[in-house]
Protein backbone atom coordinates (compact mmCIF):
# COMPACT_ATOMS: atom_id res chain seq x y z
CA MET A 1 114.97 80.91 94.34
CA ALA A 2 115.67 78.27 97.00
CA VAL A 3 112.75 77.53 99.31
CA THR A 4 112.79 75.68 102.62
CA PRO A 5 110.80 72.40 102.41
CA LEU A 6 107.29 72.71 103.83
CA LYS A 7 107.69 70.22 106.70
CA GLN A 8 110.97 71.81 107.74
CA ALA A 9 109.58 75.34 107.52
CA TYR A 10 106.39 74.62 109.50
CA PRO A 11 106.95 71.70 111.88
CA GLY A 12 103.79 70.68 113.65
CA VAL A 13 101.44 72.05 110.98
CA SER A 14 99.45 69.54 108.93
CA PHE A 15 98.54 70.61 105.41
CA ARG A 16 95.66 69.54 103.16
CA TRP A 17 96.79 67.05 100.56
CA ARG A 18 94.69 68.72 97.86
CA SER A 19 96.55 71.98 98.42
CA ARG A 20 99.88 70.24 97.87
CA ASN A 21 99.22 68.15 94.74
CA TRP A 22 100.36 68.90 91.20
CA TRP A 23 97.25 70.93 90.35
CA ALA A 24 97.73 73.20 93.38
CA ARG A 25 101.35 73.75 92.40
CA LEU A 26 100.39 74.41 88.78
CA THR A 27 97.78 77.00 89.77
CA ARG A 28 100.06 78.44 92.49
CA VAL A 29 97.62 77.83 95.31
CA PRO A 30 99.56 77.97 98.59
CA PRO A 31 99.42 74.96 100.90
CA GLU A 32 96.53 75.18 103.37
CA CYS A 33 96.46 73.81 106.90
CA VAL A 34 93.99 70.97 107.39
CA HIS A 35 91.70 73.06 109.59
CA LEU A 36 90.72 75.22 106.61
CA GLU A 37 88.75 72.25 105.27
CA ARG A 38 86.01 73.14 107.77
CA GLU A 39 86.96 76.52 109.23
CA PHE A 40 86.32 79.49 106.96
CA SER A 41 85.81 82.45 109.28
CA TRP A 42 89.50 83.11 110.03
CA MET A 43 92.44 82.57 107.74
CA ALA A 44 95.72 84.27 106.89
CA THR A 45 98.25 84.11 104.09
CA TYR A 46 101.57 83.85 105.91
CA VAL A 47 104.71 84.71 103.95
CA PRO A 48 107.24 84.96 106.77
CA ASP A 49 110.40 85.78 104.85
CA THR A 50 109.14 88.04 102.07
CA LEU A 51 108.47 91.77 102.22
CA TYR A 52 106.32 93.39 99.54
CA LEU A 53 107.20 96.99 98.72
CA GLN A 54 105.19 98.73 96.01
CA GLY A 55 104.15 95.36 94.64
CA LYS A 56 107.68 93.97 94.45
CA ALA A 57 108.85 91.03 96.55
CA ALA A 58 112.03 91.39 98.60
CA VAL A 59 113.17 88.17 100.28
CA GLN A 60 114.63 88.79 103.74
CA ARG A 61 115.87 85.28 104.52
CA HIS A 62 117.52 82.60 102.39
CA PRO A 63 116.27 80.04 101.80
CA ALA A 64 112.82 81.54 102.24
CA ARG A 65 109.98 79.64 103.84
CA PRO A 66 107.08 79.07 101.44
CA GLU A 67 103.82 81.00 101.42
CA VAL A 68 101.04 79.15 103.26
CA SER A 69 97.40 79.65 104.27
CA LEU A 70 96.74 79.09 107.96
CA CYS A 71 93.80 79.13 110.32
CA ARG A 72 94.04 81.38 113.36
CA ALA A 73 95.26 78.63 115.71
CA CYS A 74 98.02 77.50 113.34
CA LEU A 75 99.08 81.09 112.67
CA GLN A 76 99.26 81.83 116.37
CA GLY A 77 101.35 78.72 116.92
CA GLN A 78 103.84 79.96 114.35
CA LEU A 79 103.86 83.52 115.65
CA GLU A 80 104.44 82.64 119.30
CA ASN A 81 107.76 80.98 118.45
CA GLU A 82 108.76 83.36 115.66
CA LEU A 83 108.11 86.61 117.51
CA ALA A 84 109.45 85.42 120.85
CA GLY A 85 112.75 84.61 119.14
CA TYR A 86 113.16 87.97 117.41
CA ARG A 87 115.69 90.07 119.32
CA GLY A 88 115.12 93.39 117.54
CA ARG A 89 112.88 96.27 118.57
CA VAL A 90 109.21 96.26 117.60
CA LEU A 91 106.52 98.93 117.58
CA ALA A 92 103.28 97.02 117.06
CA PHE A 93 99.93 98.67 116.38
CA GLU A 94 96.75 96.86 117.36
CA PRO A 95 94.79 96.42 114.11
CA ASP A 96 91.22 97.47 113.46
CA GLY A 97 89.57 94.08 113.74
CA SER A 98 86.59 95.13 111.64
CA ALA A 99 88.58 96.41 108.68
CA PHE A 100 92.13 95.10 108.39
CA SER A 101 93.19 92.85 105.51
CA GLN A 102 96.97 92.86 106.01
CA TYR A 103 99.25 92.93 109.04
CA PHE A 104 102.91 93.21 108.17
CA PHE A 105 106.31 94.14 109.56
CA VAL A 106 108.46 96.82 107.95
CA ALA A 107 112.02 97.47 109.15
CA ALA A 108 113.04 101.10 109.69
CA PRO A 109 115.24 101.36 106.56
CA ASP A 110 112.21 100.40 104.43
CA PHE A 111 109.72 102.92 105.86
CA ALA A 112 109.93 105.29 102.90
CA ALA A 113 109.68 102.50 100.33
CA ALA A 114 106.65 101.14 102.19
CA GLY A 115 104.89 104.49 101.70
CA LEU A 116 104.96 105.80 105.26
CA LYS A 117 104.59 109.56 105.49
CA PRO A 118 107.84 111.25 106.63
CA ASP A 119 106.37 112.47 109.93
CA VAL A 120 104.92 109.02 110.70
CA ALA A 121 108.22 107.30 109.84
CA ALA A 122 110.11 109.75 112.04
CA ALA A 123 107.73 109.19 114.96
CA ILE A 124 108.07 105.40 114.72
CA GLU A 125 111.86 105.55 114.41
CA LYS A 126 111.99 107.71 117.53
CA ARG A 127 109.86 105.25 119.50
CA VAL A 128 111.85 102.15 118.54
CA GLN A 129 115.02 103.88 119.76
CA GLU A 130 113.61 104.85 123.16
CA PRO A 131 114.57 102.80 126.24
CA LEU A 132 111.63 100.71 127.43
CA GLY A 133 112.85 99.34 130.74
CA THR A 134 111.38 96.01 131.84
CA CYS A 135 108.38 94.15 130.51
CA GLN A 136 105.03 94.98 132.09
CA GLY A 137 104.29 91.26 132.29
CA CYS A 138 107.57 90.02 133.78
CA ASP A 139 111.09 91.12 134.72
CA GLU A 140 112.63 90.58 131.28
CA PRO A 141 113.92 93.53 129.23
CA ALA A 142 111.18 95.07 127.10
CA ARG A 143 111.80 95.10 123.35
CA TRP A 144 108.21 95.61 122.14
CA LEU A 145 106.01 98.66 122.43
CA TRP A 146 102.39 97.61 121.88
CA ILE A 147 100.05 100.45 120.86
CA PRO A 148 96.35 99.74 121.55
CA ARG A 149 93.81 101.17 119.10
CA VAL A 150 92.27 103.31 121.81
CA GLN A 151 95.57 105.22 121.87
CA VAL A 152 96.23 105.35 118.12
CA GLU A 153 93.23 104.82 115.86
CA SER A 154 94.90 105.98 112.63
CA LEU A 155 98.41 105.21 111.45
CA ASP A 156 98.50 108.72 109.97
CA ASP A 157 98.38 110.23 113.46
CA ALA A 158 102.10 110.96 113.88
CA SER A 159 101.52 113.14 116.95
CA SER A 160 99.83 110.34 118.90
CA ILE A 161 102.38 107.77 117.73
CA ALA A 162 105.15 109.96 119.11
CA THR A 163 103.55 110.52 122.52
CA VAL A 164 101.23 107.69 123.64
CA LYS A 165 102.46 105.45 126.43
CA GLY A 166 101.68 102.03 124.97
CA LEU A 167 102.64 98.76 126.67
CA ALA A 168 106.32 97.85 127.10
CA LEU A 169 106.68 94.09 126.64
CA CYS A 170 109.35 91.45 126.27
CA PRO A 171 109.30 89.45 122.99
CA ARG A 172 107.36 86.58 124.58
CA HIS A 173 104.66 88.79 126.02
CA GLY A 174 104.63 90.90 122.85
CA ALA A 175 103.85 87.77 120.86
CA GLN A 176 101.11 86.83 123.33
CA GLN A 177 99.61 90.32 123.10
CA LEU A 178 99.42 90.12 119.32
CA CYS A 179 97.86 86.65 119.44
CA GLU A 180 95.29 87.89 121.96
CA ALA A 181 94.42 90.75 119.63
CA PHE A 182 93.86 88.26 116.79
CA SER A 183 91.74 86.08 119.11
CA ALA A 184 89.46 89.04 119.76
CA VAL A 185 88.66 89.27 116.02
CA SER A 186 85.82 86.86 115.21
CA GLU A 187 86.31 86.88 111.41
CA ALA A 188 89.31 87.76 109.27
CA ASN A 189 90.84 87.08 105.90
CA LEU A 190 94.42 88.34 106.06
CA LEU A 191 95.87 88.55 102.59
CA TYR A 192 99.42 89.04 103.82
CA MET A 193 101.46 88.70 106.99
CA ASN A 194 105.21 88.38 107.37
CA ALA A 195 107.75 87.93 110.18
CA PRO A 196 110.06 90.58 111.66
CA TYR A 197 113.48 91.13 110.09
CA GLY A 198 116.38 93.53 110.55
CA ASP A 199 117.17 95.32 113.82
CA ALA A 200 114.01 97.32 114.43
CA GLY A 201 110.70 98.18 112.80
CA ALA A 202 106.93 98.28 113.09
CA TYR A 203 103.97 95.97 112.62
CA LEU A 204 101.42 97.92 110.58
CA TRP A 205 97.90 97.14 109.37
CA ILE A 206 95.80 98.12 106.40
């Protein structure tokens, strides 16, 4: 499978040499940003172009960008550009900062394969089709609906998902909201995070 070269895929990110040498490649250790040499409290495995469904990888973009390990600052730098440029609809749930280990995007056609309960999938599909008006942070059209945890504590709560107000945001402010949520989490080890794909979907956490 063709893979985008590291420097081209992540401009502006510096990676540890030891995570890019022959031994790292042999043992399949993903490249790590240089900050992870001394920062251990917050890190994330970022696989922007690959969706994992029932343990199977499904590449959503060709050539795919490689899997990398990033500190919070480097991840946020990638997300701000990536998410602001996505023109689809997003329903994003604020994660439980004390318990989440993955934060990933699933497009609507993949809800069933991702294991979402039918009533939850139906509630999310309904919300991503609703008109949102303008962003609550500016005058741009809203394409994100951010759901704070105080409104939906469990992703099994289809009734709340279908009815809570949430925050209507443009892609730029949606990206900022997600980065602010990550900043509020003092320690994290995200085993998987990807980028949005398709026309509409949801950012979920486990």
